[in-house]
């Protein structure tokens, strides 16, 4: 009953969405959704890189981590900000 969505149902859903949000706001919503997806992807990639490099780093040569910069979107320099990494004091 609910598992089959055909072309008429999808078109009806799209028309309702356009009527609810308005045609002017849809491009802005899609743009912000794309930015959010890029941020999520870049943060997930950074977390994977940080996890892999910290597991392989030797414990005897501990150096303070370099300061990272988080960007809102790739190539977006205006909204980038430096971030101080928290120090882990539980390893002692």
PDB file of N, CA and C in Angstrom:
ATOM      1  N   UNK A   1       0.824  -1.196   0.000  1.00  0.00           N
ATOM      2  CA  UNK A   1       0.000   0.000   0.000  1.00  0.00           C
ATOM      3  C   UNK A   1       0.865   1.257   0.000  1.00  0.00           C
ATOM      4  N   UNK A   2       1.834   1.362   0.962  1.00  0.00           N
ATOM      5  CA  UNK A   2       2.669   2.548   1.023  1.00  0.00           C
ATOM      6  C   UNK A   2       3.995   2.346   0.312  1.00  0.00           C
ATOM      7  N   UNK A   3       4.332   1.145  -0.082  1.00  0.00           N
ATOM      8  CA  UNK A   3       5.623   0.853  -0.666  1.00  0.00           C
ATOM      9  C   UNK A   3       5.750   1.234  -2.121  1.00  0.00           C
ATOM     10  N   UNK A   4       4.671   1.492  -2.795  1.00  0.00           N
ATOM     11  CA  UNK A   4       4.729   1.783  -4.230  1.00  0.00           C
ATOM     12  C   UNK A   4       4.442   3.254  -4.492  1.00  0.00           C
ATOM     13  N   UNK A   5       5.495   3.973  -4.873  1.00  0.00           N
ATOM     14  CA  UNK A   5       5.341   5.370  -5.260  1.00  0.00           C
ATOM     15  C   UNK A   5       5.604   5.475  -6.751  1.00  0.00           C
ATOM     16  N   UNK A   6       4.609   5.858  -7.464  1.00  0.00           N
ATOM     17  CA  UNK A   6       4.754   6.017  -8.902  1.00  0.00           C
ATOM     18  C   UNK A   6       5.041   7.464  -9.261  1.00  0.00           C
ATOM     19  N   UNK A   7       5.083   7.735 -10.546  1.00  0.00           N
ATOM     20  CA  UNK A   7       5.361   9.081 -11.030  1.00  0.00           C
ATOM     21  C   UNK A   7       4.292  10.088 -10.587  1.00  0.00           C
ATOM     22  N   UNK A   8       2.996   9.764 -10.640  1.00  0.00           N
ATOM     23  CA  UNK A   8       1.999  10.760 -10.209  1.00  0.00           C
ATOM     24  C   UNK A   8       2.125  11.130  -8.726  1.00  0.00           C
ATOM     25  N   UNK A   9       2.460  10.171  -7.885  1.00  0.00           N
ATOM     26  CA  UNK A   9       2.597  10.456  -6.459  1.00  0.00           C
ATOM     27  C   UNK A   9       3.814  11.340  -6.192  1.00  0.00           C
ATOM     28  N   UNK A  10       4.910  11.053  -6.879  1.00  0.00           N
ATOM     29  CA  UNK A  10       6.124  11.853  -6.694  1.00  0.00           C
ATOM     30  C   UNK A  10       5.897  13.280  -7.182  1.00  0.00           C
ATOM     31  N   UNK A  11       5.230  13.441  -8.309  1.00  0.00           N
ATOM     32  CA  UNK A  11       4.928  14.772  -8.836  1.00  0.00           C
ATOM     33  C   UNK A  11       4.027  15.536  -7.867  1.00  0.00           C
ATOM     34  N   UNK A  12       3.048  14.858  -7.296  1.00  0.00           N
ATOM     35  CA  UNK A  12       2.158  15.498  -6.333  1.00  0.00           C
ATOM     36  C   UNK A  12       2.932  15.945  -5.093  1.00  0.00           C
ATOM     37  N   UNK A  13       3.846  15.132  -4.623  1.00  0.00           N
ATOM     38  CA  UNK A  13       4.666  15.494  -3.459  1.00  0.00           C
ATOM     39  C   UNK A  13       5.522  16.715  -3.782  1.00  0.00           C
ATOM     40  N   UNK A  14       6.133  16.753  -4.956  1.00  0.00           N
ATOM     41  CA  UNK A  14       6.954  17.898  -5.346  1.00  0.00           C
ATOM     42  C   UNK A  14       6.130  19.181  -5.452  1.00  0.00           C
ATOM     43  N   UNK A  15       4.922  19.093  -5.984  1.00  0.00           N
ATOM     44  CA  UNK A  15       4.044  20.264  -6.089  1.00  0.00           C
ATOM     45  C   UNK A  15       3.686  20.776  -4.698  1.00  0.00           C
ATOM     46  N   UNK A  16       3.389  19.875  -3.784  1.00  0.00           N
ATOM     47  CA  UNK A  16       3.061  20.285  -2.414  1.00  0.00           C
ATOM     48  C   UNK A  16       4.254  20.959  -1.755  1.00  0.00           C
ATOM     49  N   UNK A  17       5.461  20.430  -1.966  1.00  0.00           N
ATOM     50  CA  UNK A  17       6.666  21.040  -1.402  1.00  0.00           C
ATOM     51  C   UNK A  17       6.878  22.442  -1.961  1.00  0.00           C
ATOM     52  N   UNK A  18       6.688  22.613  -3.256  1.00  0.00           N
ATOM     53  CA  UNK A  18       6.853  23.928  -3.874  1.00  0.00           C
ATOM     54  C   UNK A  18       5.814  24.901  -3.337  1.00  0.00           C
ATOM     55  N   UNK A  19       4.586  24.445  -3.145  1.00  0.00           N
ATOM     56  CA  UNK A  19       3.551  25.315  -2.606  1.00  0.00           C
ATOM     57  C   UNK A  19       3.826  25.694  -1.151  1.00  0.00           C
ATOM     58  N   UNK A  20       4.350  24.756  -0.381  1.00  0.00           N
ATOM     59  CA  UNK A  20       4.615  25.037   1.035  1.00  0.00           C
ATOM     60  C   UNK A  20       5.794  25.984   1.225  1.00  0.00           C
ATOM     61  N   UNK A  21       6.901  25.738   0.545  1.00  0.00           N
ATOM     62  CA  UNK A  21       8.109  26.508   0.775  1.00  0.00           C
ATOM     63  C   UNK A  21       8.282  27.665  -0.196  1.00  0.00           C
ATOM     64  N   UNK A  22       7.629  27.640  -1.295  1.00  0.00           N
ATOM     65  CA  UNK A  22       7.779  28.702  -2.279  1.00  0.00           C
ATOM     66  C   UNK A  22       8.962  28.459  -3.188  1.00  0.00           C
ATOM     67  N   UNK A  23       8.829  28.855  -4.422  1.00  0.00           N
ATOM     68  CA  UNK A  23       9.872  28.615  -5.417  1.00  0.00           C
ATOM     69  C   UNK A  23      11.114  29.459  -5.151  1.00  0.00           C
ATOM     70  N   UNK A  24      10.982  30.580  -4.450  1.00  0.00           N
ATOM     71  CA  UNK A  24      12.139  31.440  -4.191  1.00  0.00           C
ATOM     72  C   UNK A  24      13.067  30.846  -3.141  1.00  0.00           C
ATOM     73  N   UNK A  25      12.528  30.119  -2.180  1.00  0.00           N
ATOM     74  CA  UNK A  25      13.350  29.594  -1.092  1.00  0.00           C
ATOM     75  C   UNK A  25      14.003  28.256  -1.434  1.00  0.00           C
ATOM     76  N   UNK A  26      13.512  27.556  -2.423  1.00  0.00           N
ATOM     77  CA  UNK A  26      14.051  26.230  -2.729  1.00  0.00           C
ATOM     78  C   UNK A  26      15.517  26.239  -3.145  1.00  0.00           C
ATOM     79  N   UNK A  27      15.981  27.156  -3.997  1.00  0.00           N
ATOM     80  CA  UNK A  27      17.415  27.154  -4.326  1.00  0.00           C
ATOM     81  C   UNK A  27      18.304  27.422  -3.110  1.00  0.00           C
ATOM     82  N   UNK A  28      17.868  28.334  -2.237  1.00  0.00           N
ATOM     83  CA  UNK A  28      18.645  28.608  -1.028  1.00  0.00           C
ATOM     84  C   UNK A  28      18.687  27.391  -0.115  1.00  0.00           C
ATOM     85  N   UNK A  29      17.573  26.685  -0.009  1.00  0.00           N
ATOM     86  CA  UNK A  29      17.534  25.485   0.822  1.00  0.00           C
ATOM     87  C   UNK A  29      18.451  24.408   0.252  1.00  0.00           C
ATOM     88  N   UNK A  30      18.437  24.246  -1.051  1.00  0.00           N
ATOM     89  CA  UNK A  30      19.291  23.245  -1.690  1.00  0.00           C
ATOM     90  C   UNK A  30      20.769  23.618  -1.532  1.00  0.00           C
ATOM     91  N   UNK A  31      21.078  24.908  -1.636  1.00  0.00           N
ATOM     92  CA  UNK A  31      22.457  25.362  -1.477  1.00  0.00           C
ATOM     93  C   UNK A  31      22.951  25.105  -0.060  1.00  0.00           C
ATOM     94  N   UNK A  32      22.130  25.429   0.933  1.00  0.00           N
ATOM     95  CA  UNK A  32      22.550  25.207   2.317  1.00  0.00           C
ATOM     96  C   UNK A  32      22.654  23.713   2.632  1.00  0.00           C
ATOM     97  N   UNK A  33      21.803  22.909   2.024  1.00  0.00           N
ATOM     98  CA  UNK A  33      21.902  21.463   2.214  1.00  0.00           C
ATOM     99  C   UNK A  33      23.195  20.933   1.608  1.00  0.00           C
ATOM    100  N   UNK A  34      23.594  21.452   0.464  1.00  0.00           N
ATOM    101  CA  UNK A  34      24.851  21.052  -0.162  1.00  0.00           C
ATOM    102  C   UNK A  34      26.052  21.452   0.670  1.00  0.00           C
ATOM    103  N   UNK A  35      26.018  22.676   1.233  1.00  0.00           N
ATOM    104  CA  UNK A  35      27.113  23.111   2.100  1.00  0.00           C
ATOM    105  C   UNK A  35      27.217  22.218   3.328  1.00  0.00           C
ATOM    106  N   UNK A  36      26.072  21.895   3.908  1.00  0.00           N
ATOM    107  CA  UNK A  36      26.072  21.031   5.097  1.00  0.00           C
ATOM    108  C   UNK A  36      26.649  19.662   4.771  1.00  0.00           C
ATOM    109  N   UNK A  37      26.306  19.125   3.614  1.00  0.00           N
ATOM    110  CA  UNK A  37      26.827  17.818   3.213  1.00  0.00           C
ATOM    111  C   UNK A  37      28.338  17.879   3.003  1.00  0.00           C
ATOM    112  N   UNK A  38      28.846  18.970   2.407  1.00  0.00           N
ATOM    113  CA  UNK A  38      30.294  19.111   2.214  1.00  0.00           C
ATOM    114  C   UNK A  38      31.022  19.223   3.546  1.00  0.00           C
ATOM    115  N   UNK A  39      30.452  19.980   4.485  1.00  0.00           N
ATOM    116  CA  UNK A  39      31.073  20.120   5.796  1.00  0.00           C
ATOM    117  C   UNK A  39      31.120  18.776   6.499  1.00  0.00           C
ATOM    118  N   UNK A  40      30.020  18.054   6.455  1.00  0.00           N
ATOM    119  CA  UNK A  40      29.961  16.747   7.101  1.00  0.00           C
ATOM    120  C   UNK A  40      30.989  15.799   6.491  1.00  0.00           C
ATOM    121  N   UNK A  41      31.108  15.815   5.178  1.00  0.00           N
ATOM    122  CA  UNK A  41      32.055  14.943   4.493  1.00  0.00           C
ATOM    123  C   UNK A  41      33.492  15.302   4.852  1.00  0.00           C
ATOM    124  N   UNK A  42      33.811  16.597   4.881  1.00  0.00           N
ATOM    125  CA  UNK A  42      35.187  16.997   5.202  1.00  0.00           C
ATOM    126  C   UNK A  42      35.523  16.698   6.658  1.00  0.00           C
ATOM    127  N   UNK A  43      34.571  16.876   7.568  1.00  0.00           N
ATOM    128  CA  UNK A  43      34.826  16.561   8.975  1.00  0.00           C
ATOM    129  C   UNK A  43      34.993  15.063   9.184  1.00  0.00           C
ATOM    130  N   UNK A  44      34.202  14.249   8.498  1.00  0.00           N
ATOM    131  CA  UNK A  44      34.340  12.802   8.615  1.00  0.00           C
ATOM    132  C   UNK A  44      35.698  12.353   8.081  1.00  0.00           C
ATOM    133  N   UNK A  45      36.143  12.960   6.983  1.00  0.00           N
ATOM    134  CA  UNK A  45      37.447  12.628   6.422  1.00  0.00           C
ATOM    135  C   UNK A  45      38.561  13.038   7.377  1.00  0.00           C
ATOM    136  N   UNK A  46      38.429  14.207   8.002  1.00  0.00           N
ATOM    137  CA  UNK A  46      39.441  14.673   8.956  1.00  0.00           C
ATOM    138  C   UNK A  46      39.486  13.761  10.176  1.00  0.00           C
ATOM    139  N   UNK A  47      38.348  13.296  10.628  1.00  0.00           N
ATOM    140  CA  UNK A  47      38.322  12.394  11.780  1.00  0.00           C
ATOM    141  C   UNK A  47      38.988  11.072  11.448  1.00  0.00           C
ATOM    142  N   UNK A  48      38.766  10.558  10.238  1.00  0.00           N
ATOM    143  CA  UNK A  48      39.412   9.311   9.826  1.00  0.00           C
ATOM    144  C   UNK A  48      40.921   9.486   9.757  1.00  0.00           C
ATOM    145  N   UNK A  49      41.383  10.622   9.201  1.00  0.00           N
ATOM    146  CA  UNK A  49      42.817  10.882   9.101  1.00  0.00           C
ATOM    147  C   UNK A  49      43.439  11.043  10.485  1.00  0.00           C
ATOM    148  N   UNK A  50      42.748  11.737  11.383  1.00  0.00           N
ATOM    149  CA  UNK A  50      43.271  11.921  12.734  1.00  0.00           C
ATOM    150  C   UNK A  50      43.332  10.596  13.474  1.00  0.00           C
ATOM    151  N   UNK A  51      42.329   9.764  13.310  1.00  0.00           N
ATOM    152  CA  UNK A  51      42.308   8.467  13.977  1.00  0.00           C
ATOM    153  C   UNK A  51      43.389   7.547  13.462  1.00  0.00           C
ATOM    154  N   UNK A  52      43.651   7.554  12.176  1.00  0.00           N
ATOM    155  CA  UNK A  52      44.680   6.704  11.587  1.00  0.00           C
ATOM    156  C   UNK A  52      46.073   7.171  11.945  1.00  0.00           C
ATOM    157  N   UNK A  53      46.306   8.469  11.970  1.00  0.00           N
ATOM    158  CA  UNK A  53      47.647   8.973  12.262  1.00  0.00           C
ATOM    159  C   UNK A  53      47.978   8.860  13.739  1.00  0.00           C
ATOM    160  N   UNK A  54      46.996   8.990  14.622  1.00  0.00           N
ATOM    161  CA  UNK A  54      47.292   8.892  16.055  1.00  0.00           C
ATOM    162  C   UNK A  54      47.533   7.441  16.470  1.00  0.00           C
ATOM    163  N   UNK A  55      46.949   6.490  15.770  1.00  0.00           N
ATOM    164  CA  UNK A  55      47.161   5.086  16.104  1.00  0.00           C
ATOM    165  C   UNK A  55      48.550   4.617  15.665  1.00  0.00           C
ATOM    166  N   UNK A  56      49.103   5.229  14.619  1.00  0.00           N
ATOM    167  CA  UNK A  56      50.396   4.810  14.095  1.00  0.00           C
ATOM    168  C   UNK A  56      51.552   5.626  14.657  1.00  0.00           C
ATOM    169  N   UNK A  57      51.275   6.725  15.345  1.00  0.00           N
ATOM    170  CA  UNK A  57      52.338   7.591  15.852  1.00  0.00           C
ATOM    171  C   UNK A  57      53.005   6.943  17.055  1.00  0.00           C
ATOM    172  N   UNK A  58      54.343   6.988  17.125  1.00  0.00           N
ATOM    173  CA  UNK A  58      55.034   6.425  18.284  1.00  0.00           C
ATOM    174  C   UNK A  58      54.808   7.293  19.515  1.00  0.00           C
ATOM    175  N   UNK A  59      54.749   6.651  20.683  1.00  0.00           N
ATOM    176  CA  UNK A  59      54.447   7.367  21.920  1.00  0.00           C
ATOM    177  C   UNK A  59      55.653   8.128  22.445  1.00  0.00           C
ATOM    178  N   UNK A  60      56.882   7.765  22.059  1.00  0.00           N
ATOM    179  CA  UNK A  60      58.079   8.401  22.607  1.00  0.00           C
ATOM    180  C   UNK A  60      58.331   9.775  21.995  1.00  0.00           C
ATOM    181  N   UNK A  61      57.940  10.009  20.772  1.00  0.00           N
ATOM    182  CA  UNK A  61      58.170  11.284  20.097  1.00  0.00           C
ATOM    183  C   UNK A  61      56.894  12.112  20.066  1.00  0.00           C
ATOM    184  N   UNK A  62      56.360  12.442  21.224  1.00  0.00           N
ATOM    185  CA  UNK A  62      55.123  13.216  21.250  1.00  0.00           C
ATOM    186  C   UNK A  62      55.445  14.684  21.018  1.00  0.00           C
ATOM    187  N   UNK A  63      54.763  15.271  20.049  1.00  0.00           N
ATOM    188  CA  UNK A  63      54.903  16.680  19.741  1.00  0.00           C
ATOM    189  C   UNK A  63      53.533  17.312  19.832  1.00  0.00           C
ATOM    190  N   UNK A  64      53.460  18.584  20.170  1.00  0.00           N
ATOM    191  CA  UNK A  64      52.149  19.224  20.211  1.00  0.00           C
ATOM    192  C   UNK A  64      51.542  19.246  18.814  1.00  0.00           C
ATOM    193  N   UNK A  65      50.258  18.962  18.715  1.00  0.00           N
ATOM    194  CA  UNK A  65      49.623  18.935  17.390  1.00  0.00           C
ATOM    195  C   UNK A  65      49.587  20.328  16.770  1.00  0.00           C
ATOM    196  N   UNK A  66      49.692  20.353  15.458  1.00  0.00           N
ATOM    197  CA  UNK A  66      49.623  21.616  14.739  1.00  0.00           C
ATOM    198  C   UNK A  66      48.192  22.138  14.758  1.00  0.00           C
ATOM    199  N   UNK A  67      48.063  23.438  14.645  1.00  0.00           N
ATOM    200  CA  UNK A  67      46.734  24.040  14.673  1.00  0.00           C
ATOM    201  C   UNK A  67      46.037  23.798  13.338  1.00  0.00           C
ATOM    202  N   UNK A  68      44.802  23.302  13.415  1.00  0.00           N
ATOM    203  CA  UNK A  68      44.022  23.029  12.210  1.00  0.00           C
ATOM    204  C   UNK A  68      43.106  24.195  11.907  1.00  0.00           C
ATOM    205  N   UNK A  69      42.679  24.294  10.658  1.00  0.00           N
ATOM    206  CA  UNK A  69      41.709  25.295  10.247  1.00  0.00           C
ATOM    207  C   UNK A  69      40.513  24.575   9.668  1.00  0.00           C
ATOM    208  N   UNK A  70      39.338  24.891  10.191  1.00  0.00           N
ATOM    209  CA  UNK A  70      38.101  24.301   9.685  1.00  0.00           C
ATOM    210  C   UNK A  70      37.470  25.286   8.727  1.00  0.00           C
ATOM    211  N   UNK A  71      37.133  24.818   7.535  1.00  0.00           N
ATOM    212  CA  UNK A  71      36.501  25.668   6.538  1.00  0.00           C
ATOM    213  C   UNK A  71      35.051  25.259   6.373  1.00  0.00           C
ATOM    214  N   UNK A  72      34.187  26.239   6.133  1.00  0.00           N
ATOM    215  CA  UNK A  72      32.768  25.963   5.970  1.00  0.00           C
ATOM    216  C   UNK A  72      32.522  25.180   4.690  1.00  0.00           C
ATOM    217  N   UNK A  73      33.252  25.467   3.657  1.00  0.00           N
ATOM    218  CA  UNK A  73      33.120  24.760   2.394  1.00  0.00           C
ATOM    219  C   UNK A  73      34.487  24.758   1.730  1.00  0.00           C
ATOM    220  N   UNK A  74      34.766  23.761   0.891  1.00  0.00           N
ATOM    221  CA  UNK A  74      36.062  23.751   0.215  1.00  0.00           C
ATOM    222  C   UNK A  74      36.269  25.025  -0.604  1.00  0.00           C
ATOM    223  N   UNK A  75      37.359  25.710  -0.346  1.00  0.00           N
ATOM    224  CA  UNK A  75      37.658  26.939  -1.063  1.00  0.00           C
ATOM    225  C   UNK A  75      37.050  28.172  -0.440  1.00  0.00           C
ATOM    226  N   UNK A  76      36.250  28.046   0.612  1.00  0.00           N
ATOM    227  CA  UNK A  76      35.604  29.180   1.251  1.00  0.00           C
ATOM    228  C   UNK A  76      36.522  29.696   2.349  1.00  0.00           C
ATOM    229  N   UNK A  77      37.310  30.735   2.043  1.00  0.00           N
ATOM    230  CA  UNK A  77      38.302  31.244   2.975  1.00  0.00           C
ATOM    231  C   UNK A  77      37.684  32.235   3.948  1.00  0.00           C
ATOM    232  N   UNK A  78      36.594  32.863   3.589  1.00  0.00           N
ATOM    233  CA  UNK A  78      36.020  33.918   4.415  1.00  0.00           C
ATOM    234  C   UNK A  78      35.459  33.391   5.722  1.00  0.00           C
ATOM    235  N   UNK A  79      35.025  32.155   5.762  1.00  0.00           N
ATOM    236  CA  UNK A  79      34.420  31.645   6.984  1.00  0.00           C
ATOM    237  C   UNK A  79      35.306  30.639   7.707  1.00  0.00           C
ATOM    238  N   UNK A  80      36.580  30.553   7.345  1.00  0.00           N
ATOM    239  CA  UNK A  80      37.475  29.613   8.017  1.00  0.00           C
ATOM    240  C   UNK A  80      37.928  30.202   9.342  1.00  0.00           C
ATOM    241  N   UNK A  81      38.178  29.335  10.303  1.00  0.00           N
ATOM    242  CA  UNK A  81      38.606  29.781  11.616  1.00  0.00           C
ATOM    243  C   UNK A  81      39.587  28.769  12.193  1.00  0.00           C
ATOM    244  N   UNK A  82      40.611  29.242  12.930  1.00  0.00           N
ATOM    245  CA  UNK A  82      41.552  28.301  13.541  1.00  0.00           C
ATOM    246  C   UNK A  82      40.900  27.602  14.730  1.00  0.00           C
ATOM    247  N   UNK A  83      41.318  26.375  14.962  1.00  0.00           N
ATOM    248  CA  UNK A  83      40.751  25.574  16.037  1.00  0.00           C
ATOM    249  C   UNK A  83      41.893  25.020  16.873  1.00  0.00           C
ATOM    250  N   UNK A  84      41.799  25.162  18.178  1.00  0.00           N
ATOM    251  CA  UNK A  84      42.778  24.565  19.078  1.00  0.00           C
ATOM    252  C   UNK A  84      42.305  23.174  19.433  1.00  0.00           C
ATOM    253  N   UNK A  85      43.168  22.207  19.213  1.00  0.00           N
ATOM    254  CA  UNK A  85      42.831  20.820  19.524  1.00  0.00           C
ATOM    255  C   UNK A  85      42.914  20.615  21.029  1.00  0.00           C
ATOM    256  N   UNK A  86      41.990  19.878  21.613  1.00  0.00           N
ATOM    257  CA  UNK A  86      42.071  19.603  23.050  1.00  0.00           C
ATOM    258  C   UNK A  86      43.244  18.665  23.341  1.00  0.00           C
ATOM    259  N   UNK A  87      43.882  18.878  24.463  1.00  0.00           N
ATOM    260  CA  UNK A  87      44.991  18.009  24.837  1.00  0.00           C
ATOM    261  C   UNK A  87      44.468  16.852  25.657  1.00  0.00           C
ATOM    262  N   UNK A  88      45.065  15.709  25.455  1.00  0.00           N
ATOM    263  CA  UNK A  88      44.648  14.499  26.159  1.00  0.00           C
ATOM    264  C   UNK A  88      45.597  14.251  27.319  1.00  0.00           C
ATOM    265  N   UNK A  89      45.107  14.409  28.534  1.00  0.00           N
ATOM    266  CA  UNK A  89      45.941  14.235  29.728  1.00  0.00           C
ATOM    267  C   UNK A  89      45.731  12.879  30.377  1.00  0.00           C
ATOM    268  N   UNK A  90      44.960  12.002  29.758  1.00  0.00           N
ATOM    269  CA  UNK A  90      44.666  10.708  30.370  1.00  0.00           C
ATOM    270  C   UNK A  90      45.732   9.675  30.069  1.00  0.00           C
ATOM    271  N   UNK A  91      46.694   9.940  29.189  1.00  0.00           N
ATOM    272  CA  UNK A  91      47.701   8.954  28.794  1.00  0.00           C
ATOM    273  C   UNK A  91      48.828   8.816  29.817  1.00  0.00           C
ATOM    274  N   UNK A  92      48.898   9.665  30.800  1.00  0.00           N
ATOM    275  CA  UNK A  92      50.006   9.643  31.768  1.00  0.00           C
ATOM    276  C   UNK A  92      49.850   8.624  32.820  1.00  0.00           C
TER     277      UNK A  92
END
